[in-house]
C-alpha atoms as a PDB file:
ATOM      1  CA  MET A   1     -18.281 -17.366 -92.800  1.00  0.00           C
ATOM      2  CA  ILE A   2     -20.252 -18.555 -89.798  1.00  0.00           C
ATOM      3  CA  LYS A   3     -20.188 -16.271 -86.765  1.00  0.00           C
ATOM      4  CA  ARG A   4     -18.178 -17.444 -83.777  1.00  0.00           C
ATOM      5  CA  SER A   5     -21.292 -17.459 -81.551  1.00  0.00           C
ATOM      6  CA  ALA A   6     -23.091 -19.776 -83.968  1.00  0.00           C
ATOM      7  CA  GLN A   7     -20.095 -22.100 -84.028  1.00  0.00           C
ATOM      8  CA  LEU A   8     -20.032 -22.223 -80.239  1.00  0.00           C
ATOM      9  CA  LYS A   9     -23.751 -23.011 -80.129  1.00  0.00           C
ATOM     10  CA  TRP A  10     -23.249 -25.951 -82.515  1.00  0.00           C
ATOM     11  CA  LEU A  11     -20.283 -27.149 -80.467  1.00  0.00           C
ATOM     12  CA  ALA A  12     -22.251 -26.883 -77.207  1.00  0.00           C
ATOM     13  CA  GLY A  13     -25.127 -28.808 -78.773  1.00  0.00           C
ATOM     14  CA  PHE A  14     -22.795 -31.540 -79.999  1.00  0.00           C
ATOM     15  CA  ILE A  15     -21.154 -31.814 -76.576  1.00  0.00           C
ATOM     16  CA  ALA A  16     -24.594 -32.031 -74.958  1.00  0.00           C
ATOM     17  CA  LEU A  17     -25.506 -34.819 -77.394  1.00  0.00           C
ATOM     18  CA  LEU A  18     -22.360 -36.740 -76.434  1.00  0.00           C
ATOM     19  CA  TRP A  19     -23.221 -36.411 -72.733  1.00  0.00           C
ATOM     20  CA  ILE A  20     -26.792 -37.582 -73.371  1.00  0.00           C
ATOM     21  CA  ILE A  21     -25.529 -40.610 -75.285  1.00  0.00           C
ATOM     22  CA  GLU A  22     -23.054 -41.404 -72.494  1.00  0.00           C
ATOM     23  CA  GLY A  23     -25.834 -41.031 -69.904  1.00  0.00           C
ATOM     24  CA  VAL A  24     -28.071 -43.457 -71.796  1.00  0.00           C
ATOM     25  CA  ASN A  25     -25.132 -45.845 -72.171  1.00  0.00           C
ATOM     26  CA  GLN A  26     -24.466 -45.706 -68.414  1.00  0.00           C
ATOM     27  CA  LEU A  27     -28.161 -46.163 -67.537  1.00  0.00           C
ATOM     28  CA  THR A  28     -28.435 -49.211 -69.803  1.00  0.00           C
ATOM     29  CA  GLY A  29     -25.306 -50.799 -68.355  1.00  0.00           C
ATOM     30  CA  GLY A  30     -23.292 -50.271 -71.521  1.00  0.00           C
ATOM     31  CA  GLY A  31     -26.117 -51.391 -73.783  1.00  0.00           C
ATOM     32  CA  LEU A  32     -25.085 -48.994 -76.533  1.00  0.00           C
ATOM     33  CA  ARG A  33     -21.717 -50.711 -76.954  1.00  0.00           C
ATOM     34  CA  LEU A  34     -23.420 -52.970 -79.473  1.00  0.00           C
ATOM     35  CA  TYR A  35     -23.436 -49.942 -81.794  1.00  0.00           C
ATOM     36  CA  GLY A  36     -19.669 -49.530 -81.638  1.00  0.00           C
ATOM     37  CA  LEU A  37     -17.083 -51.282 -83.764  1.00  0.00           C
ATOM     38  CA  ILE A  38     -16.872 -54.999 -83.107  1.00  0.00           C
ATOM     39  CA  PRO A  39     -13.871 -56.792 -84.645  1.00  0.00           C
ATOM     40  CA  ARG A  40     -14.540 -59.514 -87.233  1.00  0.00           C
ATOM     41  CA  HIS A  41     -18.265 -58.723 -87.506  1.00  0.00           C
ATOM     42  CA  THR A  42     -18.790 -57.293 -90.964  1.00  0.00           C
ATOM     43  CA  GLU A  43     -22.585 -57.314 -90.535  1.00  0.00           C
ATOM     44  CA  LEU A  44     -22.150 -54.597 -87.896  1.00  0.00           C
ATOM     45  CA  MET A  45     -20.405 -52.090 -90.163  1.00  0.00           C
ATOM     46  CA  TYR A  46     -22.844 -49.357 -89.094  1.00  0.00           C
ATOM     47  CA  GLY A  47     -20.438 -49.012 -86.161  1.00  0.00           C
ATOM     48  CA  VAL A  48     -18.166 -47.013 -88.461  1.00  0.00           C
ATOM     49  CA  VAL A  49     -20.764 -44.231 -88.272  1.00  0.00           C
ATOM     50  CA  THR A  50     -21.954 -44.676 -84.682  1.00  0.00           C
ATOM     51  CA  ALA A  51     -18.670 -45.482 -82.888  1.00  0.00           C
ATOM     52  CA  PRO A  52     -17.363 -41.882 -82.765  1.00  0.00           C
ATOM     53  CA  PHE A  53     -20.352 -40.974 -80.587  1.00  0.00           C
ATOM     54  CA  LEU A  54     -19.729 -43.775 -78.075  1.00  0.00           C
ATOM     55  CA  HIS A  55     -17.122 -43.751 -75.332  1.00  0.00           C
ATOM     56  CA  GLY A  56     -15.898 -46.480 -73.017  1.00  0.00           C
ATOM     57  CA  ASN A  57     -16.645 -44.518 -69.850  1.00  0.00           C
ATOM     58  CA  VAL A  58     -16.974 -40.997 -68.487  1.00  0.00           C
ATOM     59  CA  GLU A  59     -13.199 -40.590 -68.209  1.00  0.00           C
ATOM     60  CA  HIS A  60     -12.821 -41.406 -71.906  1.00  0.00           C
ATOM     61  CA  LEU A  61     -15.475 -38.825 -72.805  1.00  0.00           C
ATOM     62  CA  LEU A  62     -13.790 -36.177 -70.632  1.00  0.00           C
ATOM     63  CA  ALA A  63     -10.410 -36.885 -72.234  1.00  0.00           C
ATOM     64  CA  THR A  64     -11.952 -36.483 -75.687  1.00  0.00           C
ATOM     65  CA  LEU A  65     -13.645 -33.220 -74.728  1.00  0.00           C
ATOM     66  CA  CYS A  66     -10.394 -31.850 -73.269  1.00  0.00           C
ATOM     67  CA  ARG A  67      -8.656 -32.496 -76.581  1.00  0.00           C
ATOM     68  CA  TRP A  68     -11.465 -30.738 -78.453  1.00  0.00           C
ATOM     69  CA  HIS A  69     -11.144 -27.776 -76.108  1.00  0.00           C
ATOM     70  CA  CYS A  70      -7.472 -27.444 -77.062  1.00  0.00           C
ATOM     71  CA  TRP A  71      -8.313 -27.547 -80.786  1.00  0.00           C
ATOM     72  CA  VAL A  72     -11.223 -25.104 -80.640  1.00  0.00           C
ATOM     73  CA  PHE A  73      -9.775 -22.518 -78.312  1.00  0.00           C
END
């Protein structure tokens, strides 16, 4: 079993990664949205893997993180 402190470090790192991705997305004017899911474009199926890391805006990211907080703690 992984220690609680190690789990929290992984969680903090993952949250930091999400904020970095959102920051890059904001700085590029939403340029990373291309890596999300785009309906009726089967050639862009990599979005199935990358879409969970992308958020529409900061409010969306905060809402997601609040839900995670409820599940973890």
